[in-house]
Amino acid sequence: MSRLFLTGCLAAVLLCTSYAAGADDYPTFRAGCLLFGDAYHVPSHHSEVGDGATGVVLRRGYLTFNTDLSENWFGRLRFELNQSGEFETYTFDTQVKDLYLGRKVGRHKLLLGLSSTPTFDVIESIWDMRYLARTPMDLQGSASRDTGLAVQGPLNAAGTLRYRAMYGAPVEFGGDSNDRERWMAAVGWQPAAGWTVDLYADYEALEGPHDRSTVQAFVAWQAERWRWGLQYANQDRQEDPPLELASAFVVSRMGGRTSVFGRVDRLLEPSPRGDSISYLPMDPSARATMVFAGIEFRLNPHLALTPNAVVTAYDRNDQGLRPQTDVYLRLTLFLDFE
């Protein structure tokens, strides 16, 4: 099944490239790179290995190639580089992050291959600080990529009501670690200028008698100097530990190149990923509140330097014990030429 699917993707890319090569202005190609990382110190942590850890880590590096094969055909290839998420461990890993072929059909788009899921793409675009912290569901293990067929477009003439849907095939490829079927759908609404309402649901078939399903709601507002968002998500994992969370963030641009931000993630159930979360591991035994805060200094359009702190405080667990608070002090560098 996986070989057949990937062979089909490759055949489609080759066919489309051959078709587009005869156009006067096509194909066109663009390349870009992006990277971010931290100098960090952890004065307090629930784990022995994290308590007192200090180091420098390159969390992500992207090399991206975009192409317009014709007026309606396009594609992307993106490679990802990252270091180990363990404290004071600096081994590197590389993988394919995106590999898809796209087709515009009127006002709609179809994507075939490895591409972003609709789970938190809208949330991430409004939060717009992925280099500091992944969105809450991403942090807790929901896949940001899947291999399959995605479609998106407007539902009304004004474009204020839009849909996004994706079928994730049982194929494990590149940055996609999900080898099970997954159906995803979202509806976004912009009731007025600056406002966004987004509703999302998915269904994933697991091995054995148990499956997994997610529902999520997101509301946001954006203006020239302010933006904020509110999120609630609940993932029914049946036999696994449940995942339920709420989150809020606010970002304020104080000047042309300076912004302050804050975000609070509240885990209404203990983190099912816990200590396996890269760079920001959490105690899996207790509910928790994670707070992000900092100041972003945009030195130029391509470079940002951001002192920030992450604090995770825990409730008492089932044994009546409260895990030690996690405190991360970071200086984050962000370089963007995409």
Protein backbone atom coordinates (compact mmCIF):
# COMPACT_ATOMS: atom_id res chain seq x y z
CA MET A 1 0.00 0.00 0.00
CA SER A 2 2.74 2.50 0.96
CA ARG A 3 4.86 1.70 -2.12
CA LEU A 4 1.84 2.07 -4.40
CA PHE A 5 0.90 5.41 -2.87
CA LEU A 6 4.42 6.86 -3.07
CA THR A 7 4.86 5.56 -6.63
CA GLY A 8 1.64 7.32 -7.59
CA CYS A 9 2.87 10.60 -6.05
CA LEU A 10 6.15 10.38 -7.95
CA ALA A 11 4.40 9.57 -11.23
CA ALA A 12 2.09 12.55 -10.76
CA VAL A 13 5.04 14.90 -10.11
CA LEU A 14 6.91 13.68 -13.21
CA LEU A 15 3.80 13.93 -15.38
CA CYS A 16 3.01 17.43 -14.19
CA THR A 17 6.62 18.60 -14.65
CA SER A 18 6.62 17.31 -18.22
CA TYR A 19 3.34 19.06 -18.92
CA ALA A 20 4.47 22.38 -17.42
CA ALA A 21 7.89 22.49 -19.06
CA GLY A 22 6.39 23.72 -22.31
CA ALA A 23 4.73 26.80 -20.81
CA ASP A 24 6.33 30.17 -21.58
CA ASP A 25 6.87 31.29 -17.97
CA TYR A 26 6.92 27.95 -16.19
CA PRO A 27 8.22 26.17 -14.26
CA THR A 28 9.49 28.68 -11.66
CA PHE A 29 11.45 27.69 -8.56
CA ARG A 30 12.11 29.37 -5.21
CA ALA A 31 14.38 28.25 -2.38
CA GLY A 32 14.46 29.38 1.22
CA CYS A 33 15.88 28.49 4.61
CA LEU A 34 14.77 28.94 8.19
CA LEU A 35 16.32 27.98 11.53
CA PHE A 36 15.85 28.61 15.23
CA GLY A 37 17.40 27.49 18.48
CA ASP A 38 18.05 28.37 22.10
CA ALA A 39 20.72 29.08 24.64
CA TYR A 40 18.97 27.77 27.76
CA HIS A 41 19.25 27.20 31.50
CA VAL A 42 16.86 25.11 33.60
CA PRO A 43 17.08 26.21 37.25
CA SER A 44 14.24 23.91 38.33
CA HIS A 45 12.78 20.75 36.82
CA HIS A 46 10.68 17.73 37.81
CA SER A 47 13.30 15.35 36.39
CA GLU A 48 16.78 14.80 37.76
CA VAL A 49 18.39 15.06 34.32
CA GLY A 50 16.67 18.37 33.59
CA ASP A 51 17.30 20.06 36.93
CA GLY A 52 20.17 22.52 36.43
CA ALA A 53 20.70 21.67 32.74
CA THR A 54 22.40 24.32 30.59
CA GLY A 55 23.19 24.25 26.89
CA VAL A 56 22.69 25.46 23.34
CA VAL A 57 20.36 23.64 20.97
CA LEU A 58 19.33 24.03 17.32
CA ARG A 59 15.68 23.01 17.56
CA ARG A 60 14.79 23.28 13.87
CA GLY A 61 16.31 24.04 10.51
CA TYR A 62 14.36 24.00 7.25
CA LEU A 63 15.51 24.03 3.64
CA THR A 64 12.52 24.59 1.38
CA PHE A 65 12.01 24.40 -2.38
CA ASN A 66 8.75 25.71 -3.85
CA THR A 67 7.76 25.50 -7.50
CA ASP A 68 4.98 26.77 -9.74
CA LEU A 69 4.81 24.21 -12.53
CA SER A 70 2.05 26.03 -14.41
CA GLU A 71 -0.71 28.51 -13.68
CA ASN A 72 -2.59 25.85 -11.71
CA TRP A 73 0.04 23.28 -10.66
CA PHE A 74 2.49 23.82 -7.81
CA GLY A 75 4.60 21.80 -5.37
CA ARG A 76 6.90 21.87 -2.38
CA LEU A 77 9.87 19.91 -1.05
CA ARG A 78 11.09 20.74 2.46
CA PHE A 79 13.86 19.13 4.49
CA GLU A 80 14.01 19.39 8.27
CA LEU A 81 17.09 19.33 10.52
CA ASN A 82 16.88 19.17 14.31
CA GLN A 83 18.87 18.21 17.36
CA SER A 84 17.86 15.73 20.01
CA GLY A 85 15.20 17.01 22.40
CA GLU A 86 17.00 15.53 25.40
CA PHE A 87 18.83 17.84 27.78
CA GLU A 88 22.48 18.49 26.92
CA THR A 89 22.31 15.99 24.02
CA TYR A 90 23.29 17.36 20.64
CA THR A 91 22.90 14.62 18.01
CA PHE A 92 21.38 15.71 14.67
CA ASP A 93 18.54 14.18 12.69
CA THR A 94 17.26 15.01 9.19
CA GLN A 95 14.01 14.07 7.44
CA VAL A 96 11.62 15.12 4.69
CA LYS A 97 9.08 17.55 6.17
CA ASP A 98 6.95 18.34 3.09
CA LEU A 99 6.68 16.66 -0.30
CA TYR A 100 3.51 17.39 -2.21
CA LEU A 101 2.00 18.28 -5.56
CA GLY A 102 -0.84 20.80 -5.63
CA ARG A 103 -3.54 21.75 -8.10
CA LYS A 104 -5.72 24.87 -8.12
CA VAL A 105 -9.28 24.20 -9.22
CA GLY A 106 -11.02 27.55 -9.38
CA ARG A 107 -10.84 28.94 -5.84
CA HIS A 108 -10.05 25.54 -4.35
CA LYS A 109 -6.74 23.71 -3.81
CA LEU A 110 -5.94 20.01 -3.80
CA LEU A 111 -2.70 18.60 -2.35
CA LEU A 112 -1.33 15.10 -2.86
CA GLY A 113 1.56 13.88 -0.73
CA LEU A 114 3.13 14.82 2.61
CA SER A 115 1.66 18.15 3.76
CA SER A 116 0.38 20.07 6.79
CA THR A 117 -2.71 18.76 8.54
CA PRO A 118 -5.68 21.07 9.23
CA THR A 119 -5.41 20.30 12.97
CA PHE A 120 -3.73 23.54 14.02
CA ASP A 121 -2.61 25.28 10.81
CA VAL A 122 -4.93 28.27 11.42
CA ILE A 123 -3.96 28.47 15.10
CA GLU A 124 -0.26 28.37 14.21
CA SER A 125 -0.62 31.11 11.59
CA ILE A 126 -2.25 33.50 14.08
CA TRP A 127 0.00 32.58 17.02
CA ASP A 128 2.86 33.17 14.52
CA MET A 129 5.58 32.26 17.03
CA ARG A 130 6.20 28.63 16.16
CA TYR A 131 9.91 29.20 16.69
CA LEU A 132 9.25 29.85 20.40
CA ALA A 133 6.71 27.15 21.09
CA ARG A 134 4.59 24.71 19.14
CA THR A 135 0.84 25.11 19.43
CA PRO A 136 -0.68 23.12 22.34
CA MET A 137 -1.96 20.11 20.38
CA ASP A 138 1.30 19.94 18.43
CA LEU A 139 3.24 20.00 21.70
CA GLN A 140 1.09 17.15 23.05
CA GLY A 141 1.65 14.90 20.05
CA SER A 142 -0.99 15.58 17.39
CA ALA A 143 0.69 15.19 14.01
CA SER A 144 1.49 18.38 12.11
CA ARG A 145 2.01 16.41 8.88
CA ASP A 146 0.33 13.49 7.18
CA THR A 147 0.66 11.72 3.85
CA GLY A 148 -2.52 11.68 1.81
CA LEU A 149 -4.99 13.92 0.00
CA ALA A 150 -5.93 17.39 1.26
CA VAL A 151 -8.44 19.89 -0.11
CA GLN A 152 -9.38 23.42 0.94
CA GLY A 153 -11.36 26.39 -0.32
CA PRO A 154 -14.24 28.81 0.26
CA LEU A 155 -17.83 27.84 0.98
CA ASN A 156 -19.39 31.21 0.08
CA ALA A 157 -18.80 33.91 -2.50
CA ALA A 158 -17.25 36.33 0.00
CA GLY A 159 -14.73 33.74 1.20
CA THR A 160 -15.63 34.40 4.84
CA LEU A 161 -16.64 30.76 5.29
CA ARG A 162 -13.97 28.21 4.36
CA TYR A 163 -13.33 24.50 4.68
CA ARG A 164 -10.22 22.31 5.03
CA ALA A 165 -10.27 18.51 4.81
CA MET A 166 -7.66 15.79 4.62
CA TYR A 167 -7.43 12.03 4.33
CA GLY A 168 -4.28 10.67 5.93
CA ALA A 169 -3.36 7.37 4.30
CA PRO A 170 -1.85 4.45 6.28
CA VAL A 171 1.61 5.41 5.01
CA GLU A 172 4.62 6.33 7.12
CA PHE A 173 6.90 8.67 5.19
CA GLY A 174 9.37 11.46 6.03
CA GLY A 175 8.15 13.67 8.86
CA ASP A 176 4.87 11.73 8.97
CA SER A 177 5.07 9.23 11.84
CA ASN A 178 1.45 8.14 11.50
CA ASP A 179 0.95 4.85 9.66
CA ARG A 180 -2.82 4.68 10.30
CA GLU A 181 -5.85 6.06 8.50
CA ARG A 182 -6.94 9.50 9.69
CA TRP A 183 -9.85 11.65 8.53
CA MET A 184 -9.66 15.39 9.31
CA ALA A 185 -12.02 18.30 8.62
CA ALA A 186 -12.30 21.92 9.69
CA VAL A 187 -14.58 24.90 9.00
CA GLY A 188 -13.35 28.46 9.44
CA TRP A 189 -15.50 31.58 9.66
CA GLN A 190 -14.56 35.27 9.64
CA PRO A 191 -17.71 37.01 10.90
CA ALA A 192 -16.10 40.47 10.84
CA ALA A 193 -12.79 42.12 10.07
CA GLY A 194 -10.06 40.70 12.32
CA TRP A 195 -12.15 37.85 13.73
CA THR A 196 -11.59 34.12 13.18
CA VAL A 197 -13.67 31.19 14.38
CA ASP A 198 -12.38 27.70 13.58
CA LEU A 199 -13.97 24.32 14.35
CA TYR A 200 -12.07 21.08 13.80
CA ALA A 201 -12.69 17.33 14.18
CA ASP A 202 -10.84 14.17 13.22
CA TYR A 203 -11.11 10.40 13.44
CA GLU A 204 -8.18 7.99 13.51
CA ALA A 205 -8.35 4.22 13.23
CA LEU A 206 -5.98 2.53 15.67
CA GLU A 207 -4.87 -1.08 15.78
CA GLY A 208 -7.26 -3.27 17.73
CA PRO A 209 -10.80 -2.40 18.86
CA HIS A 210 -10.05 1.16 20.00
CA ASP A 211 -10.00 4.31 17.86
CA ARG A 212 -9.17 7.97 18.49
CA SER A 213 -11.18 11.13 17.80
CA THR A 214 -10.58 14.84 18.35
CA VAL A 215 -12.77 17.94 18.59
CA GLN A 216 -11.37 21.44 18.80
CA ALA A 217 -12.63 25.05 18.85
CA PHE A 218 -10.59 28.20 18.31
CA VAL A 219 -11.52 31.90 18.41
CA ALA A 220 -9.09 34.73 17.60
CA TRP A 221 -8.91 38.43 16.88
CA GLN A 222 -6.18 40.31 15.01
CA ALA A 223 -5.43 44.00 14.54
CA GLU A 224 -2.37 45.98 13.51
CA ARG A 225 -0.76 45.93 16.97
CA TRP A 226 -2.65 43.22 18.84
CA ARG A 227 -3.69 39.63 18.37
CA TRP A 228 -5.10 37.06 20.74
CA GLY A 229 -6.56 33.56 20.61
CA LEU A 230 -8.53 31.09 22.72
CA GLN A 231 -8.50 27.32 22.15
CA TYR A 232 -10.16 24.24 23.59
CA ALA A 233 -9.37 20.69 22.46
CA ASN A 234 -10.48 17.24 23.60
CA GLN A 235 -9.03 14.01 22.21
CA ASP A 236 -10.80 10.77 23.11
CA ARG A 237 -8.08 8.12 23.19
CA GLN A 238 -10.36 5.40 24.58
CA GLU A 239 -7.97 2.92 26.21
CA ASP A 240 -5.07 5.45 26.30
CA PRO A 241 -4.79 8.39 28.72
CA PRO A 242 -7.14 11.18 27.54
CA LEU A 243 -5.94 14.51 26.21
CA GLU A 244 -7.90 17.64 27.13
CA LEU A 245 -6.57 21.18 27.20
CA ALA A 246 -7.40 24.87 27.00
CA SER A 247 -5.08 27.63 25.87
CA ALA A 248 -4.97 31.41 25.53
CA PHE A 249 -2.37 33.74 24.06
CA VAL A 250 -1.88 37.45 23.45
CA VAL A 251 0.78 39.25 21.41
CA SER A 252 1.28 43.02 21.38
CA ARG A 253 3.58 44.89 19.01
CA MET A 254 5.06 47.69 21.10
CA GLY A 255 7.04 49.31 18.31
CA GLY A 256 8.14 48.65 14.78
CA ARG A 257 10.48 45.83 15.82
CA THR A 258 9.50 44.89 19.38
CA SER A 259 6.66 42.63 20.56
CA VAL A 260 5.70 41.23 23.94
CA PHE A 261 3.76 38.00 24.27
CA GLY A 262 2.20 35.67 26.79
CA ARG A 263 0.55 32.29 26.53
CA VAL A 264 -1.07 29.94 29.04
CA ASP A 265 -1.76 26.25 28.32
CA ARG A 266 -3.88 24.42 30.85
CA LEU A 267 -3.80 20.62 30.72
CA LEU A 268 -7.12 19.42 32.09
CA GLU A 269 -5.70 15.88 32.10
CA PRO A 270 -2.06 14.86 32.69
CA SER A 271 0.08 15.01 29.58
CA PRO A 272 -0.12 11.65 27.75
CA ARG A 273 3.29 12.34 26.16
CA GLY A 274 4.94 13.58 29.35
CA ASP A 275 8.69 13.14 29.40
CA SER A 276 8.83 12.24 25.69
CA ILE A 277 8.03 15.85 24.65
CA SER A 278 11.11 17.26 22.93
CA TYR A 279 12.76 20.30 24.56
CA LEU A 280 9.89 20.92 27.04
CA PRO A 281 9.20 17.55 28.76
CA MET A 282 6.39 17.42 31.31
CA ASP A 283 5.64 15.21 34.28
CA PRO A 284 3.01 12.70 33.02
CA SER A 285 1.46 12.08 36.44
CA ALA A 286 -0.29 15.42 37.14
CA ARG A 287 -2.41 18.10 35.52
CA ALA A 288 -0.37 21.18 34.70
CA THR A 289 -0.37 24.84 33.73
CA MET A 290 2.33 25.96 31.29
CA VAL A 291 3.09 29.68 30.92
CA PHE A 292 5.16 31.27 28.12
CA ALA A 293 6.29 34.91 28.24
CA GLY A 294 8.95 37.04 26.59
CA ILE A 295 9.99 39.96 24.41
CA GLU A 296 10.76 39.62 20.71
CA PHE A 297 13.33 41.97 19.19
CA ARG A 298 13.21 41.99 15.38
CA LEU A 299 16.72 43.10 14.45
CA ASN A 300 15.74 43.10 10.76
CA PRO A 301 13.03 41.38 8.65
CA HIS A 302 14.98 38.12 8.70
CA LEU A 303 16.43 37.97 12.23
CA ALA A 304 14.84 37.96 15.68
CA LEU A 305 16.37 37.61 19.15
CA THR A 306 13.90 36.72 21.91
CA PRO A 307 14.60 36.36 25.64
CA ASN A 308 11.78 34.22 27.04
CA ALA A 309 10.77 32.00 29.93
CA VAL A 310 8.60 28.87 30.19
CA VAL A 311 7.18 27.82 33.56
CA THR A 312 5.17 24.64 34.13
CA ALA A 313 3.42 24.31 37.49
CA TYR A 314 1.75 21.03 38.48
CA ASP A 315 -1.30 20.03 40.49
CA ARG A 316 -1.05 17.21 43.00
CA ASN A 317 -1.07 13.79 41.36
CA ASP A 318 -3.03 10.68 42.40
CA GLN A 319 -0.43 9.98 45.11
CA GLY A 320 -1.03 13.41 46.62
CA LEU A 321 2.41 14.66 45.50
CA ARG A 322 3.10 17.83 43.56
CA PRO A 323 5.94 17.48 41.00
CA GLN A 324 8.63 20.13 41.09
CA THR A 325 7.92 23.19 38.95
CA ASP A 326 9.73 23.32 35.59
CA VAL A 327 11.46 26.62 34.80
CA TYR A 328 13.21 27.25 31.47
CA LEU A 329 15.15 30.46 30.81
CA ARG A 330 15.92 30.82 27.10
CA LEU A 331 17.46 33.19 24.60
CA THR A 332 16.01 32.19 21.24
CA LEU A 333 17.48 33.03 17.85
CA PHE A 334 15.22 33.00 14.79
CA LEU A 335 16.57 33.30 11.24
CA ASP A 336 14.06 33.37 8.36
CA PHE A 337 14.86 33.56 4.65
CA GLU A 338 11.76 31.75 3.37
